[in-house]
PDB file of N, CA and C in Angstrom:
ATOM      1  N   MET A   1    -104.154  70.622  71.714  1.00  0.00           N
ATOM      2  CA  MET A   1    -103.798  72.176  71.159  1.00  0.00           C
ATOM      3  C   MET A   1    -104.508  72.569  71.639  1.00  0.00           C
ATOM      4  N   PRO A   2    -106.037  72.109  70.596  1.00  0.00           N
ATOM      5  CA  PRO A   2    -106.722  73.351  69.976  1.00  0.00           C
ATOM      6  C   PRO A   2    -107.620  73.775  71.723  1.00  0.00           C
ATOM      7  N   ILE A   3    -107.679  72.800  72.838  1.00  0.00           N
ATOM      8  CA  ILE A   3    -108.390  72.695  73.912  1.00  0.00           C
ATOM      9  C   ILE A   3    -107.457  74.112  74.051  1.00  0.00           C
ATOM     10  N   VAL A   4    -106.194  74.347  74.295  1.00  0.00           N
ATOM     11  CA  VAL A   4    -105.612  75.041  74.741  1.00  0.00           C
ATOM     12  C   VAL A   4    -106.455  76.298  74.323  1.00  0.00           C
ATOM     13  N   ILE A   5    -105.686  76.472  73.039  1.00  0.00           N
ATOM     14  CA  ILE A   5    -106.662  77.827  72.191  1.00  0.00           C
ATOM     15  C   ILE A   5    -107.803  78.756  72.502  1.00  0.00           C
ATOM     16  N   GLY A   6    -108.705  77.497  72.085  1.00  0.00           N
ATOM     17  CA  GLY A   6    -109.956  77.656  72.984  1.00  0.00           C
ATOM     18  C   GLY A   6    -110.688  78.391  74.373  1.00  0.00           C
ATOM     19  N   ILE A   7    -109.743  77.258  74.778  1.00  0.00           N
ATOM     20  CA  ILE A   7    -109.556  78.309  75.811  1.00  0.00           C
ATOM     21  C   ILE A   7    -109.482  79.183  76.669  1.00  0.00           C
ATOM     22  N   PHE A   8    -107.977  79.403  76.300  1.00  0.00           N
ATOM     23  CA  PHE A   8    -106.625  80.652  76.342  1.00  0.00           C
ATOM     24  C   PHE A   8    -107.337  81.814  75.844  1.00  0.00           C
ATOM     25  N   PHE A   9    -107.578  81.973  74.523  1.00  0.00           N
ATOM     26  CA  PHE A   9    -108.497  82.374  73.882  1.00  0.00           C
ATOM     27  C   PHE A   9    -109.425  83.079  72.673  1.00  0.00           C
ATOM     28  N   LEU A  10    -109.807  82.128  72.092  1.00  0.00           N
ATOM     29  CA  LEU A  10    -111.312  81.920  71.996  1.00  0.00           C
ATOM     30  C   LEU A  10    -112.337  82.075  72.364  1.00  0.00           C
ATOM     31  N   LEU A  11    -112.190  81.758  74.207  1.00  0.00           N
ATOM     32  CA  LEU A  11    -113.771  81.570  74.837  1.00  0.00           C
ATOM     33  C   LEU A  11    -113.556  83.215  75.112  1.00  0.00           C
ATOM     34  N   PRO A  12    -112.271  84.016  75.645  1.00  0.00           N
ATOM     35  CA  PRO A  12    -112.284  84.918  76.513  1.00  0.00           C
ATOM     36  C   PRO A  12    -112.208  85.948  74.495  1.00  0.00           C
ATOM     37  N   LEU A  13    -111.970  86.227  73.912  1.00  0.00           N
ATOM     38  CA  LEU A  13    -112.327  86.769  72.828  1.00  0.00           C
ATOM     39  C   LEU A  13    -113.906  86.715  72.434  1.00  0.00           C
ATOM     40  N   PHE A  14    -114.750  86.163  73.063  1.00  0.00           N
ATOM     41  CA  PHE A  14    -116.219  85.550  71.919  1.00  0.00           C
ATOM     42  C   PHE A  14    -116.519  86.536  73.674  1.00  0.00           C
ATOM     43  N   VAL A  15    -116.342  86.443  74.498  1.00  0.00           N
ATOM     44  CA  VAL A  15    -116.772  87.082  76.155  1.00  0.00           C
ATOM     45  C   VAL A  15    -116.283  87.695  75.852  1.00  0.00           C
ATOM     46  N   GLY A  16    -115.738  88.823  75.422  1.00  0.00           N
ATOM     47  CA  GLY A  16    -115.556  90.012  74.970  1.00  0.00           C
ATOM     48  C   GLY A  16    -116.214  91.289  74.120  1.00  0.00           C
ATOM     49  N   ALA A  17    -116.560  90.556  72.833  1.00  0.00           N
ATOM     50  CA  ALA A  17    -116.627  90.655  72.078  1.00  0.00           C
ATOM     51  C   ALA A  17    -118.312  90.666  72.514  1.00  0.00           C
ATOM     52  N   LEU A  18    -118.675  89.424  72.960  1.00  0.00           N
ATOM     53  CA  LEU A  18    -120.387  89.148  73.596  1.00  0.00           C
ATOM     54  C   LEU A  18    -121.019  90.729  74.485  1.00  0.00           C
ATOM     55  N   ALA A  19    -119.409  90.722  75.351  1.00  0.00           N
ATOM     56  CA  ALA A  19    -120.276  91.659  76.695  1.00  0.00           C
ATOM     57  C   ALA A  19    -120.221  93.159  76.006  1.00  0.00           C
ATOM     58  N   GLU A  20    -119.359  93.646  75.518  1.00  0.00           N
ATOM     59  CA  GLU A  20    -119.046  95.123  74.890  1.00  0.00           C
ATOM     60  C   GLU A  20    -120.499  95.116  73.790  1.00  0.00           C
ATOM     61  N   TYR A  21    -120.525  94.078  72.937  1.00  0.00           N
ATOM     62  CA  TYR A  21    -122.244  94.328  72.533  1.00  0.00           C
ATOM     63  C   TYR A  21    -123.267  94.325  72.919  1.00  0.00           C
ATOM     64  N   LEU A  22    -123.496  94.234  73.751  1.00  0.00           N
ATOM     65  CA  LEU A  22    -124.649  94.185  75.264  1.00  0.00           C
ATOM     66  C   LEU A  22    -124.539  94.928  75.873  1.00  0.00           C
ATOM     67  N   CYS A  23    -123.618  96.490  75.951  1.00  0.00           N
ATOM     68  CA  CYS A  23    -123.010  97.065  77.055  1.00  0.00           C
ATOM     69  C   CYS A  23    -123.186  98.686  75.601  1.00  0.00           C
ATOM     70  N   CYS A  24    -123.018  98.147  74.600  1.00  0.00           N
ATOM     71  CA  CYS A  24    -123.311  99.016  74.466  1.00  0.00           C
ATOM     72  C   CYS A  24    -124.462  99.361  73.500  1.00  0.00           C
ATOM     73  N   ARG A  25    -125.561  98.122  72.796  1.00  0.00           N
ATOM     74  CA  ARG A  25    -126.553  97.957  72.629  1.00  0.00           C
ATOM     75  C   ARG A  25    -127.937  98.263  73.710  1.00  0.00           C
ATOM     76  N   LEU A  26    -127.828  97.395  74.509  1.00  0.00           N
ATOM     77  CA  LEU A  26    -128.801  97.461  75.526  1.00  0.00           C
ATOM     78  C   LEU A  26    -128.994  98.812  76.505  1.00  0.00           C
ATOM     79  N   PRO A  27    -128.224  99.283  76.836  1.00  0.00           N
ATOM     80  CA  PRO A  27    -128.682 100.204  77.833  1.00  0.00           C
ATOM     81  C   PRO A  27    -128.591 101.261  76.968  1.00  0.00           C
ATOM     82  N   ARG A  28    -128.637 102.204  77.776  1.00  0.00           N
ATOM     83  CA  ARG A  28    -129.413 104.138  77.125  1.00  0.00           C
ATOM     84  C   ARG A  28    -127.915 105.241  77.345  1.00  0.00           C
ATOM     85  N   HIS A  29    -127.022 104.561  78.705  1.00  0.00           N
ATOM     86  CA  HIS A  29    -125.780 105.670  78.769  1.00  0.00           C
ATOM     87  C   HIS A  29    -124.655 104.999  78.143  1.00  0.00           C
ATOM     88  N   ARG A  30    -124.582 105.774  77.757  1.00  0.00           N
ATOM     89  CA  ARG A  30    -122.159 105.933  77.602  1.00  0.00           C
ATOM     90  C   ARG A  30    -121.957 105.216  78.694  1.00  0.00           C
ATOM     91  N   PHE A  31    -122.255 105.692  79.806  1.00  0.00           N
ATOM     92  CA  PHE A  31    -121.109 105.190  80.991  1.00  0.00           C
ATOM     93  C   PHE A  31    -121.251 103.374  80.479  1.00  0.00           C
ATOM     94  N   TRP A  32    -122.569 102.722  80.223  1.00  0.00           N
ATOM     95  CA  TRP A  32    -121.767 101.171  79.794  1.00  0.00           C
ATOM     96  C   TRP A  32    -121.449 101.007  79.106  1.00  0.00           C
ATOM     97  N   ARG A  33    -120.623 101.726  78.477  1.00  0.00           N
ATOM     98  CA  ARG A  33    -119.793 101.459  77.421  1.00  0.00           C
ATOM     99  C   ARG A  33    -118.960 101.160  77.545  1.00  0.00           C
ATOM    100  N   PHE A  34    -118.187 101.586  78.391  1.00  0.00           N
ATOM    101  CA  PHE A  34    -116.946 101.546  79.401  1.00  0.00           C
ATOM    102  C   PHE A  34    -116.827 100.460  80.373  1.00  0.00           C
ATOM    103  N   LEU A  35    -116.999  99.941  80.595  1.00  0.00           N
ATOM    104  CA  LEU A  35    -117.976  99.059  81.673  1.00  0.00           C
ATOM    105  C   LEU A  35    -117.232  98.048  81.376  1.00  0.00           C
ATOM    106  N   PRO A  36    -117.155  97.121  80.252  1.00  0.00           N
ATOM    107  CA  PRO A  36    -116.185  96.206  79.723  1.00  0.00           C
ATOM    108  C   PRO A  36    -114.636  97.002  79.852  1.00  0.00           C
ATOM    109  N   PRO A  37    -113.919  97.508  79.082  1.00  0.00           N
ATOM    110  CA  PRO A  37    -112.841  97.714  78.800  1.00  0.00           C
ATOM    111  C   PRO A  37    -111.946  98.145  80.702  1.00  0.00           C
ATOM    112  N   VAL A  38    -113.070  98.326  81.496  1.00  0.00           N
ATOM    113  CA  VAL A  38    -112.240  98.767  82.759  1.00  0.00           C
ATOM    114  C   VAL A  38    -112.919  97.821  83.765  1.00  0.00           C
ATOM    115  N   VAL A  39    -113.662  96.345  83.230  1.00  0.00           N
ATOM    116  CA  VAL A  39    -113.415  95.491  84.094  1.00  0.00           C
ATOM    117  C   VAL A  39    -112.189  94.593  83.649  1.00  0.00           C
ATOM    118  N   VAL A  40    -111.980  94.604  82.449  1.00  0.00           N
ATOM    119  CA  VAL A  40    -110.370  93.749  82.034  1.00  0.00           C
ATOM    120  C   VAL A  40    -109.469  94.584  82.204  1.00  0.00           C
ATOM    121  N   ILE A  41    -109.386  95.449  82.751  1.00  0.00           N
ATOM    122  CA  ILE A  41    -107.991  96.032  82.379  1.00  0.00           C
ATOM    123  C   ILE A  41    -107.636  95.947  83.794  1.00  0.00           C
ATOM    124  N   LEU A  42    -109.006  96.229  85.070  1.00  0.00           N
ATOM    125  CA  LEU A  42    -108.583  95.653  86.498  1.00  0.00           C
ATOM    126  C   LEU A  42    -107.953  94.286  86.667  1.00  0.00           C
ATOM    127  N   PHE A  43    -109.102  93.554  86.159  1.00  0.00           N
ATOM    128  CA  PHE A  43    -108.875  92.274  86.455  1.00  0.00           C
ATOM    129  C   PHE A  43    -107.271  91.237  85.744  1.00  0.00           C
ATOM    130  N   LEU A  44    -106.522  92.568  84.711  1.00  0.00           N
ATOM    131  CA  LEU A  44    -104.903  92.040  84.217  1.00  0.00           C
ATOM    132  C   LEU A  44    -104.148  91.982  85.641  1.00  0.00           C
ATOM    133  N   ILE A  45    -105.052  93.876  85.973  1.00  0.00           N
ATOM    134  CA  ILE A  45    -103.584  94.591  87.272  1.00  0.00           C
ATOM    135  C   ILE A  45    -103.381  92.989  88.319  1.00  0.00           C
ATOM    136  N   VAL A  46    -105.151  92.928  88.559  1.00  0.00           N
ATOM    137  CA  VAL A  46    -105.325  92.015  89.542  1.00  0.00           C
ATOM    138  C   VAL A  46    -104.359  90.802  89.553  1.00  0.00           C
ATOM    139  N   ALA A  47    -104.431  89.638  88.122  1.00  0.00           N
ATOM    140  CA  ALA A  47    -103.828  88.516  87.713  1.00  0.00           C
ATOM    141  C   ALA A  47    -102.359  88.977  87.453  1.00  0.00           C
ATOM    142  N   VAL A  48    -102.064  89.885  87.699  1.00  0.00           N
ATOM    143  CA  VAL A  48    -100.261  90.517  87.684  1.00  0.00           C
ATOM    144  C   VAL A  48    -100.266  90.700  88.377  1.00  0.00           C
ATOM    145  N   VAL A  49    -100.883  91.239  89.887  1.00  0.00           N
ATOM    146  CA  VAL A  49     -99.934  91.187  91.174  1.00  0.00           C
ATOM    147  C   VAL A  49     -99.781  90.577  91.959  1.00  0.00           C
ATOM    148  N   VAL A  50    -101.537  89.397  91.668  1.00  0.00           N
ATOM    149  CA  VAL A  50    -101.300  88.114  92.328  1.00  0.00           C
ATOM    150  C   VAL A  50     -99.895  86.789  91.308  1.00  0.00           C
ATOM    151  N   ARG A  51     -99.788  87.147  90.334  1.00  0.00           N
ATOM    152  CA  ARG A  51     -99.033  86.221  89.855  1.00  0.00           C
ATOM    153  C   ARG A  51     -97.364  86.664  90.781  1.00  0.00           C
ATOM    154  N   LEU A  52     -97.151  87.899  90.452  1.00  0.00           N
ATOM    155  CA  LEU A  52     -95.748  88.549  91.095  1.00  0.00           C
ATOM    156  C   LEU A  52     -95.658  88.124  92.248  1.00  0.00           C
ATOM    157  N   GLN A  53     -97.102  88.095  93.345  1.00  0.00           N
ATOM    158  CA  GLN A  53     -96.578  87.724  94.639  1.00  0.00           C
ATOM    159  C   GLN A  53     -96.556  86.364  94.548  1.00  0.00           C
ATOM    160  N   ASN A  54     -97.140  86.053  93.876  1.00  0.00           N
ATOM    161  CA  ASN A  54     -96.546  84.000  93.866  1.00  0.00           C
ATOM    162  C   ASN A  54     -95.259  83.859  93.589  1.00  0.00           C
ATOM    163  N   TRP A  55     -94.576  84.732  92.933  1.00  0.00           N
ATOM    164  CA  TRP A  55     -93.795  84.448  92.154  1.00  0.00           C
ATOM    165  C   TRP A  55     -91.800  84.510  93.327  1.00  0.00           C
ATOM    166  N   GLU A  56     -92.468  85.543  94.244  1.00  0.00           N
ATOM    167  CA  GLU A  56     -91.543  85.079  94.885  1.00  0.00           C
ATOM    168  C   GLU A  56     -90.789  84.301  95.968  1.00  0.00           C
ATOM    169  N   SER A  57     -92.170  83.383  96.306  1.00  0.00           N
ATOM    170  CA  SER A  57     -91.712  81.552  96.731  1.00  0.00           C
ATOM    171  C   SER A  57     -91.570  80.646  96.004  1.00  0.00           C
ATOM    172  N   GLN A  58     -91.512  80.680  94.278  1.00  0.00           N
ATOM    173  CA  GLN A  58     -91.113  79.991  93.788  1.00  0.00           C
ATOM    174  C   GLN A  58     -89.899  80.322  92.661  1.00  0.00           C
ATOM    175  N   THR A  59     -89.530  79.510  91.847  1.00  0.00           N
ATOM    176  CA  THR A  59     -87.753  79.925  91.126  1.00  0.00           C
ATOM    177  C   THR A  59     -88.674  79.708  89.347  1.00  0.00           C
ATOM    178  N   VAL A  60     -89.154  80.158  89.101  1.00  0.00           N
ATOM    179  CA  VAL A  60     -89.878  79.552  88.051  1.00  0.00           C
ATOM    180  C   VAL A  60     -89.746  81.516  87.214  1.00  0.00           C
ATOM    181  N   SER A  61     -89.944  80.944  85.733  1.00  0.00           N
ATOM    182  CA  SER A  61     -89.275  82.064  85.046  1.00  0.00           C
ATOM    183  C   SER A  61     -90.968  83.111  85.220  1.00  0.00           C
ATOM    184  N   PRO A  62     -90.897  84.629  85.502  1.00  0.00           N
ATOM    185  CA  PRO A  62     -91.980  84.976  85.281  1.00  0.00           C
ATOM    186  C   PRO A  62     -92.727  85.535  84.142  1.00  0.00           C
ATOM    187  N   LEU A  63     -91.139  85.998  83.086  1.00  0.00           N
ATOM    188  CA  LEU A  63     -92.036  86.157  81.749  1.00  0.00           C
ATOM    189  C   LEU A  63     -92.716  85.073  81.513  1.00  0.00           C
ATOM    190  N   THR A  64     -92.458  83.671  81.147  1.00  0.00           N
ATOM    191  CA  THR A  64     -93.125  82.967  80.337  1.00  0.00           C
ATOM    192  C   THR A  64     -94.504  82.663  81.117  1.00  0.00           C
ATOM    193  N   GLN A  65     -94.748  82.843  82.257  1.00  0.00           N
ATOM    194  CA  GLN A  65     -96.154  82.888  82.726  1.00  0.00           C
ATOM    195  C   GLN A  65     -96.863  84.386  83.004  1.00  0.00           C
ATOM    196  N   LEU A  66     -96.636  85.358  82.344  1.00  0.00           N
ATOM    197  CA  LEU A  66     -97.222  86.558  82.026  1.00  0.00           C
ATOM    198  C   LEU A  66     -97.953  85.996  81.388  1.00  0.00           C
ATOM    199  N   MET A  67     -96.937  85.699  80.044  1.00  0.00           N
ATOM    200  CA  MET A  67     -97.435  85.972  78.375  1.00  0.00           C
ATOM    201  C   MET A  67     -98.732  85.168  78.169  1.00  0.00           C
ATOM    202  N   ILE A  68     -98.565  83.686  79.125  1.00  0.00           N
ATOM    203  CA  ILE A  68     -99.349  82.346  78.944  1.00  0.00           C
ATOM    204  C   ILE A  68    -100.766  83.076  79.651  1.00  0.00           C
ATOM    205  N   PHE A  69    -100.147  83.571  81.506  1.00  0.00           N
ATOM    206  CA  PHE A  69    -101.546  84.023  81.816  1.00  0.00           C
ATOM    207  C   PHE A  69    -101.498  84.831  82.885  1.00  0.00           C
ATOM    208  N   PRO A  70    -101.765  86.031  82.747  1.00  0.00           N
ATOM    209  CA  PRO A  70    -103.049  86.688  81.963  1.00  0.00           C
ATOM    210  C   PRO A  70    -102.960  87.128  81.066  1.00  0.00           C
ATOM    211  N   GLY A  71    -101.691  87.278  80.042  1.00  0.00           N
ATOM    212  CA  GLY A  71    -100.998  87.872  78.840  1.00  0.00           C
ATOM    213  C   GLY A  71    -102.334  87.178  77.351  1.00  0.00           C
ATOM    214  N   VAL A  72    -102.263  86.309  77.318  1.00  0.00           N
ATOM    215  CA  VAL A  72    -103.096  86.039  76.407  1.00  0.00           C
ATOM    216  C   VAL A  72    -104.509  85.904  76.267  1.00  0.00           C
ATOM    217  N   PRO A  73    -105.059  85.657  77.214  1.00  0.00           N
ATOM    218  CA  PRO A  73    -106.055  85.954  77.442  1.00  0.00           C
ATOM    219  C   PRO A  73    -105.846  88.179  77.563  1.00  0.00           C
ATOM    220  N   GLY A  74    -106.155  88.207  78.829  1.00  0.00           N
ATOM    221  CA  GLY A  74    -106.093  89.546  78.665  1.00  0.00           C
ATOM    222  C   GLY A  74    -106.407  90.197  77.051  1.00  0.00           C
ATOM    223  N   VAL A  75    -104.840  90.028  76.339  1.00  0.00           N
ATOM    224  CA  VAL A  75    -105.329  90.176  75.082  1.00  0.00           C
ATOM    225  C   VAL A  75    -106.297  90.244  74.250  1.00  0.00           C
ATOM    226  N   ALA A  76    -106.702  88.417  74.219  1.00  0.00           N
ATOM    227  CA  ALA A  76    -107.962  87.652  73.687  1.00  0.00           C
ATOM    228  C   ALA A  76    -108.945  88.941  74.164  1.00  0.00           C
ATOM    229  N   LEU A  77    -108.836  89.361  75.355  1.00  0.00           N
ATOM    230  CA  LEU A  77    -111.066  90.350  75.739  1.00  0.00           C
ATOM    231  C   LEU A  77    -110.506  91.761  75.014  1.00  0.00           C
ATOM    232  N   LEU A  78    -108.846  91.543  75.239  1.00  0.00           N
ATOM    233  CA  LEU A  78    -108.972  93.185  74.695  1.00  0.00           C
ATOM    234  C   LEU A  78    -109.487  93.113  73.620  1.00  0.00           C
ATOM    235  N   VAL A  79    -109.050  92.191  72.379  1.00  0.00           N
ATOM    236  CA  VAL A  79    -109.154  92.672  70.869  1.00  0.00           C
ATOM    237  C   VAL A  79    -110.920  92.104  71.102  1.00  0.00           C
ATOM    238  N   GLY A  80    -111.600  90.787  71.300  1.00  0.00           N
ATOM    239  CA  GLY A  80    -112.471  90.905  71.341  1.00  0.00           C
ATOM    240  C   GLY A  80    -114.046  91.837  72.122  1.00  0.00           C
ATOM    241  N   ILE A  81    -113.388  92.901  72.791  1.00  0.00           N
ATOM    242  CA  ILE A  81    -113.913  94.172  73.286  1.00  0.00           C
ATOM    243  C   ILE A  81    -113.959  95.085  71.907  1.00  0.00           C
ATOM    244  N   TYR A  82    -112.963  95.500  71.363  1.00  0.00           N
ATOM    245  CA  TYR A  82    -112.979  96.099  70.182  1.00  0.00           C
ATOM    246  C   TYR A  82    -113.700  95.027  69.041  1.00  0.00           C
ATOM    247  N   LEU A  83    -113.074  93.792  69.196  1.00  0.00           N
ATOM    248  CA  LEU A  83    -114.340  93.353  68.007  1.00  0.00           C
ATOM    249  C   LEU A  83    -116.173  94.342  68.062  1.00  0.00           C
ATOM    250  N   GLY A  84    -116.584  93.735  69.157  1.00  0.00           N
ATOM    251  CA  GLY A  84    -118.112  93.903  69.929  1.00  0.00           C
ATOM    252  C   GLY A  84    -118.282  95.385  69.763  1.00  0.00           C
ATOM    253  N   TRP A  85    -117.039  96.107  69.654  1.00  0.00           N
ATOM    254  CA  TRP A  85    -117.739  97.328  69.493  1.00  0.00           C
ATOM    255  C   TRP A  85    -117.681  97.872  67.952  1.00  0.00           C
ATOM    256  N   ARG A  86    -117.098  97.353  67.013  1.00  0.00           N
ATOM    257  CA  ARG A  86    -116.857  97.643  65.815  1.00  0.00           C
ATOM    258  C   ARG A  86    -118.291  96.902  65.319  1.00  0.00           C
ATOM    259  N   PHE A  87    -118.594  95.661  65.716  1.00  0.00           N
ATOM    260  CA  PHE A  87    -119.270  95.034  65.162  1.00  0.00           C
ATOM    261  C   PHE A  87    -121.139  95.659  65.196  1.00  0.00           C
ATOM    262  N   TRP A  88    -120.758  96.970  66.717  1.00  0.00           N
ATOM    263  CA  TRP A  88    -121.891  97.242  66.876  1.00  0.00           C
ATOM    264  C   TRP A  88    -122.118  98.191  66.362  1.00  0.00           C
ATOM    265  N   LYS A  89    -120.925  99.251  66.028  1.00  0.00           N
ATOM    266  CA  LYS A  89    -120.922  99.898  65.050  1.00  0.00           C
ATOM    267  C   LYS A  89    -121.505 100.323  63.760  1.00  0.00           C
ATOM    268  N   TYR A  90    -120.796  99.060  63.473  1.00  0.00           N
ATOM    269  CA  TYR A  90    -120.926  98.280  61.996  1.00  0.00           C
ATOM    270  C   TYR A  90    -123.249  98.059  61.865  1.00  0.00           C
ATOM    271  N   LEU A  91    -123.420  97.197  63.393  1.00  0.00           N
ATOM    272  CA  LEU A  91    -125.167  97.905  62.899  1.00  0.00           C
ATOM    273  C   LEU A  91    -126.159  98.648  63.542  1.00  0.00           C
ATOM    274  N   TRP A  92    -125.615  99.723  64.021  1.00  0.00           N
ATOM    275  CA  TRP A  92    -126.229 100.286  64.842  1.00  0.00           C
ATOM    276  C   TRP A  92    -126.152 101.543  63.666  1.00  0.00           C
ATOM    277  N   SER A  93    -124.686 101.859  63.779  1.00  0.00           N
ATOM    278  CA  SER A  93    -124.592 103.458  62.859  1.00  0.00           C
ATOM    279  C   SER A  93    -125.731 103.457  61.899  1.00  0.00           C
ATOM    280  N   PRO A  94    -125.920 104.783  61.449  1.00  0.00           N
ATOM    281  CA  PRO A  94    -127.136 105.353  60.716  1.00  0.00           C
ATOM    282  C   PRO A  94    -126.170 105.305  59.458  1.00  0.00           C
ATOM    283  N   ARG A  95    -126.611 104.841  58.555  1.00  0.00           N
ATOM    284  CA  ARG A  95    -126.108 104.688  57.022  1.00  0.00           C
ATOM    285  C   ARG A  95    -126.476 106.359  55.948  1.00  0.00           C
ATOM    286  N   VAL A  96    -125.904 106.671  55.455  1.00  0.00           N
ATOM    287  CA  VAL A  96    -126.301 107.600  54.533  1.00  0.00           C
ATOM    288  C   VAL A  96    -125.945 106.998  53.046  1.00  0.00           C
ATOM    289  N   ILE A  97    -127.731 107.203  52.490  1.00  0.00           N
ATOM    290  CA  ILE A  97    -127.983 107.314  51.510  1.00  0.00           C
ATOM    291  C   ILE A  97    -127.813 108.392  50.268  1.00  0.00           C
ATOM    292  N   ASP A  98    -126.993 108.047  49.443  1.00  0.00           N
ATOM    293  CA  ASP A  98    -126.720 109.585  48.157  1.00  0.00           C
ATOM    294  C   ASP A  98    -127.889 109.164  47.167  1.00  0.00           C
ATOM    295  N   ASP A  99    -129.021 109.900  47.587  1.00  0.00           N
ATOM    296  CA  ASP A  99    -130.215 109.894  45.882  1.00  0.00           C
ATOM    297  C   ASP A  99    -129.742 110.064  45.198  1.00  0.00           C
ATOM    298  N   LEU A 100    -128.304 110.785  44.901  1.00  0.00           N
ATOM    299  CA  LEU A 100    -128.648 112.224  43.455  1.00  0.00           C
ATOM    300  C   LEU A 100    -127.991 111.093  42.487  1.00  0.00           C
ATOM    301  N   LYS A 101    -126.881 110.404  42.980  1.00  0.00           N
ATOM    302  CA  LYS A 101    -126.338 109.576  42.221  1.00  0.00           C
ATOM    303  C   LYS A 101    -127.467 108.414  41.136  1.00  0.00           C
TER     304      LYS A 101
END
């Protein structure tokens, strides 16, 4: 069970956070900050379309299959992208220091 959690949730979470942090930190243009979310959304759309085409020939439940893959890794990627953006924002946003107090 821990291997499944690691592969389907923790690994995509880490990859999403790292990709978003690097896309926010390294390039100078804001355009690159939107690359990881767009890639994840395209990945999820393609995975759902491929899964739906495979179900036409099989008799398995589509709902359970969509929840396992691409559902869990997709959610983990999106959460990782959000966490990577928040981490970048926390480290690199300017801080206001009030010297009057």
